[in-house]
Amino acid sequence: MSLDGGYDDGNIFAKIVRGEIPCVRVWEDEQVLVFMDVFPQSKGHTLVISKTSKARNLLDAEAKTLGRMIGAVQKTARAVKAALNPDGLMVSQFNGAPAGQTVFHLHFHIIPRWDNVPLGRHGEGMADMEDLKALAAQIAARLEA
């Protein structure tokens, strides 16, 4: 998909926001949902999505939505750091299929990194749901107000 086009209400993240598909939640508020990536590139890979915007990517998003989301990314990244003690954190956001975007609903990835541990390929394998639930609880327990 290109950078242009209409929003598809049938995308997987829209279905998660509506409660039609389950996810392993870390935290949420009225505007943002943070949950574990089921195809993680590393232990603790989380996703931050808007619950209110119909933006497909960064270019479509309202400035107010982006401000709210980046605050949620920072809050979550701090909790991931406190919970998992990674050596680094990668924050990524893709725009258009050629850039690597696979779900056309605005979202950010928070991916913990450790020295000498290679980054997995996204979509290589589905994580164990019990492991994701335990990680989500660890991260949620470290959230700052």
N, C-alpha and C. Protein backbone atom coordinates (compact mmCIF):
# COMPACT_ATOMS: atom_id res chain seq x y z
N MET A 1 0.84 -1.18 0.00
CA MET A 1 0.00 0.00 0.00
C MET A 1 0.88 1.24 0.00
N SER A 2 0.38 2.23 -0.68
CA SER A 2 1.13 3.48 -0.79
C SER A 2 0.90 4.36 0.44
N LEU A 3 1.49 5.53 0.40
CA LEU A 3 1.31 6.49 1.48
C LEU A 3 -0.07 7.13 1.46
N ASP A 4 -0.76 7.02 0.35
CA ASP A 4 -2.08 7.64 0.21
C ASP A 4 -3.16 6.57 0.19
N GLY A 5 -4.34 6.97 0.57
CA GLY A 5 -5.47 6.05 0.53
C GLY A 5 -6.37 6.23 1.72
N GLY A 6 -7.46 5.53 1.70
CA GLY A 6 -8.44 5.61 2.78
C GLY A 6 -8.13 4.64 3.89
N TYR A 7 -8.66 4.93 5.04
CA TYR A 7 -8.50 4.08 6.20
C TYR A 7 -9.39 2.85 6.07
N ASP A 8 -8.87 1.68 6.39
CA ASP A 8 -9.61 0.42 6.34
C ASP A 8 -10.03 0.04 7.75
N ASP A 9 -11.33 0.15 8.05
CA ASP A 9 -11.83 -0.20 9.38
C ASP A 9 -11.69 -1.69 9.69
N GLY A 10 -11.32 -2.48 8.71
CA GLY A 10 -11.15 -3.91 8.92
C GLY A 10 -9.73 -4.32 9.27
N ASN A 11 -8.82 -3.35 9.44
CA ASN A 11 -7.44 -3.72 9.78
C ASN A 11 -7.40 -4.31 11.18
N ILE A 12 -6.37 -5.10 11.44
CA ILE A 12 -6.30 -5.85 12.70
C ILE A 12 -6.26 -4.94 13.93
N PHE A 13 -5.61 -3.79 13.84
CA PHE A 13 -5.55 -2.90 15.00
C PHE A 13 -6.91 -2.26 15.27
N ALA A 14 -7.66 -1.93 14.23
CA ALA A 14 -9.02 -1.41 14.42
C ALA A 14 -9.89 -2.46 15.10
N LYS A 15 -9.70 -3.71 14.72
CA LYS A 15 -10.46 -4.80 15.35
C LYS A 15 -10.06 -4.98 16.81
N ILE A 16 -8.78 -4.81 17.12
CA ILE A 16 -8.33 -4.88 18.51
C ILE A 16 -8.94 -3.75 19.32
N VAL A 17 -8.93 -2.53 18.78
CA VAL A 17 -9.52 -1.38 19.49
C VAL A 17 -11.00 -1.63 19.78
N ARG A 18 -11.72 -2.23 18.83
CA ARG A 18 -13.15 -2.50 19.01
C ARG A 18 -13.42 -3.72 19.88
N GLY A 19 -12.37 -4.46 20.27
CA GLY A 19 -12.55 -5.64 21.10
C GLY A 19 -12.94 -6.89 20.33
N GLU A 20 -12.81 -6.86 19.01
CA GLU A 20 -13.18 -8.02 18.18
C GLU A 20 -12.07 -9.06 18.15
N ILE A 21 -10.84 -8.63 18.41
CA ILE A 21 -9.68 -9.52 18.46
C ILE A 21 -8.97 -9.24 19.78
N PRO A 22 -8.58 -10.29 20.50
CA PRO A 22 -7.89 -10.04 21.78
C PRO A 22 -6.47 -9.56 21.59
N CYS A 23 -5.95 -8.95 22.63
CA CYS A 23 -4.54 -8.56 22.68
C CYS A 23 -4.08 -8.69 24.12
N VAL A 24 -2.78 -8.65 24.30
CA VAL A 24 -2.20 -8.67 25.65
C VAL A 24 -1.88 -7.22 26.00
N ARG A 25 -2.80 -6.59 26.73
CA ARG A 25 -2.68 -5.18 27.07
C ARG A 25 -1.61 -4.94 28.12
N VAL A 26 -0.90 -3.85 27.92
CA VAL A 26 0.02 -3.35 28.93
C VAL A 26 -0.69 -2.24 29.70
N TRP A 27 -1.24 -1.28 28.96
CA TRP A 27 -2.04 -0.21 29.56
C TRP A 27 -2.82 0.50 28.46
N GLU A 28 -3.81 1.27 28.87
CA GLU A 28 -4.58 2.07 27.93
C GLU A 28 -5.25 3.22 28.66
N ASP A 29 -5.64 4.20 27.88
CA ASP A 29 -6.49 5.27 28.38
C ASP A 29 -7.55 5.52 27.31
N GLU A 30 -8.19 6.66 27.33
CA GLU A 30 -9.27 6.93 26.38
C GLU A 30 -8.78 7.03 24.94
N GLN A 31 -7.52 7.38 24.74
CA GLN A 31 -7.02 7.66 23.39
C GLN A 31 -5.96 6.69 22.88
N VAL A 32 -5.28 6.00 23.77
CA VAL A 32 -4.13 5.17 23.39
C VAL A 32 -4.26 3.77 23.97
N LEU A 33 -3.80 2.79 23.20
CA LEU A 33 -3.74 1.41 23.66
C LEU A 33 -2.32 0.91 23.45
N VAL A 34 -1.75 0.30 24.48
CA VAL A 34 -0.40 -0.26 24.42
C VAL A 34 -0.53 -1.75 24.70
N PHE A 35 0.03 -2.56 23.80
CA PHE A 35 -0.07 -4.01 23.96
C PHE A 35 1.18 -4.69 23.41
N MET A 36 1.33 -5.95 23.75
CA MET A 36 2.49 -6.74 23.35
C MET A 36 2.34 -7.16 21.89
N ASP A 37 3.43 -7.09 21.14
CA ASP A 37 3.45 -7.57 19.76
C ASP A 37 3.48 -9.10 19.81
N VAL A 38 2.55 -9.74 19.13
CA VAL A 38 2.49 -11.21 19.15
C VAL A 38 3.55 -11.85 18.25
N PHE A 39 4.17 -11.03 17.40
CA PHE A 39 5.29 -11.49 16.57
C PHE A 39 6.52 -10.64 16.91
N PRO A 40 7.01 -10.77 18.14
CA PRO A 40 8.05 -9.84 18.62
C PRO A 40 9.40 -10.04 17.96
N GLN A 41 10.10 -8.91 17.84
CA GLN A 41 11.47 -8.95 17.36
C GLN A 41 12.46 -9.12 18.51
N SER A 42 12.00 -8.86 19.72
CA SER A 42 12.79 -9.12 20.92
C SER A 42 11.84 -9.21 22.11
N LYS A 43 12.36 -9.71 23.20
CA LYS A 43 11.59 -9.81 24.44
C LYS A 43 11.13 -8.41 24.87
N GLY A 44 9.83 -8.25 25.09
CA GLY A 44 9.29 -6.97 25.53
C GLY A 44 8.84 -6.04 24.42
N HIS A 45 8.82 -6.50 23.17
CA HIS A 45 8.38 -5.69 22.02
C HIS A 45 6.93 -5.28 22.23
N THR A 46 6.71 -3.97 22.34
CA THR A 46 5.36 -3.44 22.55
C THR A 46 4.94 -2.55 21.39
N LEU A 47 3.63 -2.38 21.27
CA LEU A 47 3.04 -1.52 20.25
C LEU A 47 2.19 -0.46 20.91
N VAL A 48 2.25 0.76 20.39
CA VAL A 48 1.43 1.87 20.86
C VAL A 48 0.57 2.31 19.69
N ILE A 49 -0.76 2.25 19.88
CA ILE A 49 -1.67 2.64 18.81
C ILE A 49 -2.67 3.68 19.32
N SER A 50 -3.21 4.43 18.39
CA SER A 50 -4.29 5.37 18.71
C SER A 50 -5.61 4.62 18.73
N LYS A 51 -6.44 4.91 19.70
CA LYS A 51 -7.78 4.33 19.76
C LYS A 51 -8.80 5.22 19.07
N THR A 52 -8.43 6.45 18.75
CA THR A 52 -9.40 7.41 18.25
C THR A 52 -9.15 7.88 16.82
N SER A 53 -7.93 7.82 16.36
CA SER A 53 -7.58 8.36 15.05
C SER A 53 -7.80 7.34 13.95
N LYS A 54 -8.15 7.81 12.78
CA LYS A 54 -8.27 6.99 11.57
C LYS A 54 -7.05 7.20 10.67
N ALA A 55 -5.96 7.65 11.24
CA ALA A 55 -4.74 7.86 10.47
C ALA A 55 -4.13 6.52 10.11
N ARG A 56 -3.71 6.38 8.87
CA ARG A 56 -3.02 5.17 8.40
C ARG A 56 -1.54 5.22 8.75
N ASN A 57 -1.00 6.43 8.83
CA ASN A 57 0.43 6.59 9.07
C ASN A 57 0.69 7.97 9.66
N LEU A 58 1.95 8.26 9.88
CA LEU A 58 2.36 9.53 10.47
C LEU A 58 1.91 10.73 9.65
N LEU A 59 1.92 10.59 8.34
CA LEU A 59 1.57 11.70 7.45
C LEU A 59 0.09 12.04 7.50
N ASP A 60 -0.74 11.08 7.86
CA ASP A 60 -2.19 11.29 7.95
C ASP A 60 -2.62 11.83 9.32
N ALA A 61 -1.77 11.70 10.31
CA ALA A 61 -2.16 11.94 11.70
C ALA A 61 -2.30 13.42 12.03
N GLU A 62 -3.20 13.67 12.94
CA GLU A 62 -3.40 15.01 13.49
C GLU A 62 -2.27 15.28 14.49
N ALA A 63 -1.82 16.52 14.57
CA ALA A 63 -0.73 16.87 15.47
C ALA A 63 -1.07 16.52 16.92
N LYS A 64 -2.31 16.73 17.32
CA LYS A 64 -2.73 16.42 18.68
C LYS A 64 -2.61 14.91 18.96
N THR A 65 -2.98 14.10 17.98
CA THR A 65 -2.85 12.65 18.12
C THR A 65 -1.39 12.26 18.27
N LEU A 66 -0.53 12.84 17.45
CA LEU A 66 0.89 12.52 17.52
C LEU A 66 1.48 12.91 18.88
N GLY A 67 1.08 14.05 19.40
CA GLY A 67 1.56 14.48 20.71
C GLY A 67 1.16 13.49 21.80
N ARG A 68 -0.08 13.07 21.75
CA ARG A 68 -0.58 12.12 22.74
C ARG A 68 0.16 10.78 22.62
N MET A 69 0.36 10.35 21.37
CA MET A 69 1.01 9.06 21.14
C MET A 69 2.48 9.07 21.56
N ILE A 70 3.20 10.14 21.24
CA ILE A 70 4.62 10.15 21.59
C ILE A 70 4.80 10.21 23.10
N GLY A 71 3.86 10.85 23.80
CA GLY A 71 3.89 10.81 25.26
C GLY A 71 3.68 9.39 25.78
N ALA A 72 2.78 8.65 25.13
CA ALA A 72 2.54 7.26 25.50
C ALA A 72 3.74 6.38 25.18
N VAL A 73 4.41 6.67 24.07
CA VAL A 73 5.62 5.93 23.71
C VAL A 73 6.69 6.15 24.79
N GLN A 74 6.88 7.39 25.19
CA GLN A 74 7.89 7.68 26.22
C GLN A 74 7.55 6.99 27.54
N LYS A 75 6.30 7.10 27.95
CA LYS A 75 5.85 6.47 29.21
C LYS A 75 6.09 4.96 29.16
N THR A 76 5.75 4.35 28.04
CA THR A 76 5.91 2.90 27.90
C THR A 76 7.39 2.52 27.82
N ALA A 77 8.17 3.28 27.07
CA ALA A 77 9.60 2.98 26.95
C ALA A 77 10.29 3.05 28.31
N ARG A 78 9.91 4.01 29.12
CA ARG A 78 10.49 4.11 30.47
C ARG A 78 10.13 2.87 31.30
N ALA A 79 8.89 2.40 31.17
CA ALA A 79 8.47 1.21 31.91
C ALA A 79 9.17 -0.04 31.39
N VAL A 80 9.35 -0.15 30.08
CA VAL A 80 10.07 -1.28 29.50
C VAL A 80 11.51 -1.28 30.02
N LYS A 81 12.13 -0.11 30.03
CA LYS A 81 13.51 0.00 30.54
C LYS A 81 13.58 -0.43 32.00
N ALA A 82 12.66 0.05 32.81
CA ALA A 82 12.67 -0.28 34.24
C ALA A 82 12.38 -1.76 34.47
N ALA A 83 11.51 -2.35 33.69
CA ALA A 83 11.11 -3.74 33.89
C ALA A 83 12.13 -4.74 33.37
N LEU A 84 12.74 -4.44 32.22
CA LEU A 84 13.55 -5.44 31.53
C LEU A 84 15.05 -5.13 31.49
N ASN A 85 15.41 -3.91 31.86
CA ASN A 85 16.81 -3.49 31.89
C ASN A 85 17.56 -3.79 30.59
N PRO A 86 17.03 -3.36 29.44
CA PRO A 86 17.75 -3.58 28.19
C PRO A 86 18.94 -2.65 28.09
N ASP A 87 19.86 -2.99 27.19
CA ASP A 87 21.01 -2.12 26.94
C ASP A 87 20.64 -0.93 26.07
N GLY A 88 19.55 -1.05 25.33
CA GLY A 88 19.07 0.03 24.48
C GLY A 88 17.60 -0.20 24.15
N LEU A 89 16.99 0.83 23.58
CA LEU A 89 15.59 0.74 23.15
C LEU A 89 15.48 1.30 21.74
N MET A 90 14.83 0.58 20.88
CA MET A 90 14.58 1.05 19.53
C MET A 90 13.11 1.44 19.44
N VAL A 91 12.84 2.63 18.95
CA VAL A 91 11.47 3.09 18.71
C VAL A 91 11.35 3.28 17.20
N SER A 92 10.37 2.62 16.60
CA SER A 92 10.22 2.73 15.15
C SER A 92 8.77 2.95 14.77
N GLN A 93 8.60 3.53 13.59
CA GLN A 93 7.29 3.83 13.05
C GLN A 93 7.44 3.84 11.53
N PHE A 94 6.65 3.04 10.83
CA PHE A 94 6.79 2.86 9.38
C PHE A 94 5.65 3.52 8.63
N ASN A 95 5.94 4.03 7.45
CA ASN A 95 4.94 4.73 6.63
C ASN A 95 4.96 4.18 5.22
N GLY A 96 3.97 3.37 4.89
CA GLY A 96 3.87 2.77 3.57
C GLY A 96 4.55 1.41 3.50
N ALA A 97 4.02 0.54 2.65
CA ALA A 97 4.55 -0.82 2.52
C ALA A 97 6.04 -0.84 2.15
N PRO A 98 6.51 0.00 1.24
CA PRO A 98 7.94 -0.05 0.91
C PRO A 98 8.84 0.27 2.11
N ALA A 99 8.29 0.97 3.12
CA ALA A 99 9.06 1.30 4.32
C ALA A 99 8.96 0.22 5.39
N GLY A 100 8.14 -0.80 5.14
CA GLY A 100 7.99 -1.89 6.09
C GLY A 100 6.68 -1.92 6.83
N GLN A 101 5.77 -0.99 6.55
CA GLN A 101 4.48 -0.97 7.23
C GLN A 101 3.63 -2.13 6.75
N THR A 102 3.08 -2.89 7.69
CA THR A 102 2.21 -4.02 7.34
C THR A 102 0.79 -3.85 7.84
N VAL A 103 0.58 -3.03 8.86
CA VAL A 103 -0.77 -2.72 9.35
C VAL A 103 -0.96 -1.22 9.15
N PHE A 104 -1.98 -0.86 8.40
CA PHE A 104 -2.17 0.54 8.01
C PHE A 104 -3.10 1.27 8.98
N HIS A 105 -2.63 1.31 10.22
CA HIS A 105 -3.23 2.03 11.34
C HIS A 105 -2.02 2.60 12.09
N LEU A 106 -1.98 3.89 12.29
CA LEU A 106 -0.83 4.54 12.91
C LEU A 106 -0.41 3.80 14.18
N HIS A 107 0.87 3.43 14.25
CA HIS A 107 1.39 2.76 15.43
C HIS A 107 2.90 2.92 15.54
N PHE A 108 3.38 2.78 16.77
CA PHE A 108 4.80 2.84 17.09
C PHE A 108 5.22 1.52 17.72
N HIS A 109 6.44 1.09 17.41
CA HIS A 109 7.04 -0.10 18.02
C HIS A 109 8.06 0.36 19.05
N ILE A 110 8.07 -0.29 20.21
CA ILE A 110 9.12 -0.12 21.21
C ILE A 110 9.78 -1.48 21.35
N ILE A 111 11.07 -1.54 20.98
CA ILE A 111 11.76 -2.81 20.91
C ILE A 111 13.03 -2.76 21.77
N PRO A 112 13.02 -3.48 22.90
CA PRO A 112 14.22 -3.52 23.73
C PRO A 112 15.36 -4.23 23.00
N ARG A 113 16.59 -3.76 23.25
CA ARG A 113 17.77 -4.37 22.63
C ARG A 113 18.82 -4.67 23.70
N TRP A 114 19.49 -5.78 23.52
CA TRP A 114 20.57 -6.18 24.41
C TRP A 114 21.83 -6.38 23.59
N ASP A 115 22.97 -6.02 24.16
CA ASP A 115 24.25 -6.24 23.49
C ASP A 115 24.40 -7.71 23.13
N ASN A 116 24.91 -7.96 21.95
CA ASN A 116 25.22 -9.31 21.47
C ASN A 116 24.00 -10.22 21.33
N VAL A 117 22.78 -9.65 21.29
CA VAL A 117 21.57 -10.43 21.05
C VAL A 117 20.98 -9.91 19.74
N PRO A 118 20.97 -10.75 18.71
CA PRO A 118 20.47 -10.27 17.41
C PRO A 118 18.97 -9.97 17.46
N LEU A 119 18.59 -9.01 16.67
CA LEU A 119 17.19 -8.64 16.53
C LEU A 119 16.50 -9.68 15.67
N GLY A 120 15.37 -10.19 16.13
CA GLY A 120 14.61 -11.15 15.35
C GLY A 120 13.88 -10.45 14.20
N ARG A 121 13.46 -11.23 13.25
CA ARG A 121 12.66 -10.70 12.14
C ARG A 121 11.21 -10.67 12.54
N HIS A 122 10.55 -9.57 12.26
CA HIS A 122 9.14 -9.45 12.60
C HIS A 122 8.34 -10.48 11.81
N GLY A 123 7.45 -11.16 12.49
CA GLY A 123 6.61 -12.15 11.84
C GLY A 123 7.25 -13.52 11.74
N GLU A 124 8.45 -13.70 12.30
CA GLU A 124 9.11 -15.00 12.22
C GLU A 124 8.39 -16.08 12.98
N GLY A 125 7.85 -15.73 14.10
CA GLY A 125 7.14 -16.73 14.90
C GLY A 125 6.29 -16.06 15.95
N MET A 126 5.18 -16.68 16.25
CA MET A 126 4.26 -16.14 17.24
C MET A 126 4.78 -16.45 18.65
N ALA A 127 4.69 -15.48 19.51
CA ALA A 127 5.14 -15.64 20.89
C ALA A 127 4.14 -16.47 21.68
N ASP A 128 4.61 -17.03 22.77
CA ASP A 128 3.76 -17.75 23.70
C ASP A 128 2.91 -16.73 24.46
N MET A 129 1.61 -16.92 24.48
CA MET A 129 0.71 -15.95 25.11
C MET A 129 0.96 -15.80 26.61
N GLU A 130 1.29 -16.88 27.28
CA GLU A 130 1.57 -16.78 28.71
C GLU A 130 2.84 -15.96 28.97
N ASP A 131 3.84 -16.13 28.11
CA ASP A 131 5.05 -15.31 28.22
C ASP A 131 4.73 -13.84 28.01
N LEU A 132 3.89 -13.54 27.02
CA LEU A 132 3.51 -12.15 26.76
C LEU A 132 2.74 -11.55 27.92
N LYS A 133 1.86 -12.33 28.52
CA LYS A 133 1.09 -11.85 29.68
C LYS A 133 2.02 -11.52 30.84
N ALA A 134 3.01 -12.37 31.06
CA ALA A 134 3.97 -12.12 32.15
C ALA A 134 4.79 -10.86 31.87
N LEU A 135 5.23 -10.69 30.62
CA LEU A 135 5.98 -9.48 30.26
C LEU A 135 5.12 -8.23 30.41
N ALA A 136 3.87 -8.31 29.96
CA ALA A 136 2.96 -7.16 30.07
C ALA A 136 2.78 -6.77 31.53
N ALA A 137 2.64 -7.76 32.40
CA ALA A 137 2.48 -7.47 33.83
C ALA A 137 3.74 -6.82 34.40
N GLN A 138 4.91 -7.32 34.00
CA GLN A 138 6.18 -6.72 34.45
C GLN A 138 6.28 -5.27 34.03
N ILE A 139 5.94 -5.00 32.78
CA ILE A 139 6.04 -3.63 32.25
C ILE A 139 5.01 -2.74 32.93
N ALA A 140 3.77 -3.22 33.02
CA ALA A 140 2.70 -2.42 33.64
C ALA A 140 3.02 -2.05 35.08
N ALA A 141 3.70 -2.96 35.78
CA ALA A 141 4.05 -2.71 37.18
C ALA A 141 5.07 -1.59 37.32
N ARG A 142 5.75 -1.26 36.23
CA ARG A 142 6.79 -0.22 36.28
C ARG A 142 6.34 1.10 35.66
N LEU A 143 5.06 1.21 35.33
CA LEU A 143 4.55 2.46 34.73
C LEU A 143 4.56 3.57 35.75
N GLU A 144 4.98 4.74 35.30
CA GLU A 144 4.92 5.92 36.16
C GLU A 144 3.62 6.65 35.87
N ALA A 145 3.06 7.25 36.87
CA ALA A 145 1.78 7.96 36.71
C ALA A 145 1.89 9.12 35.77
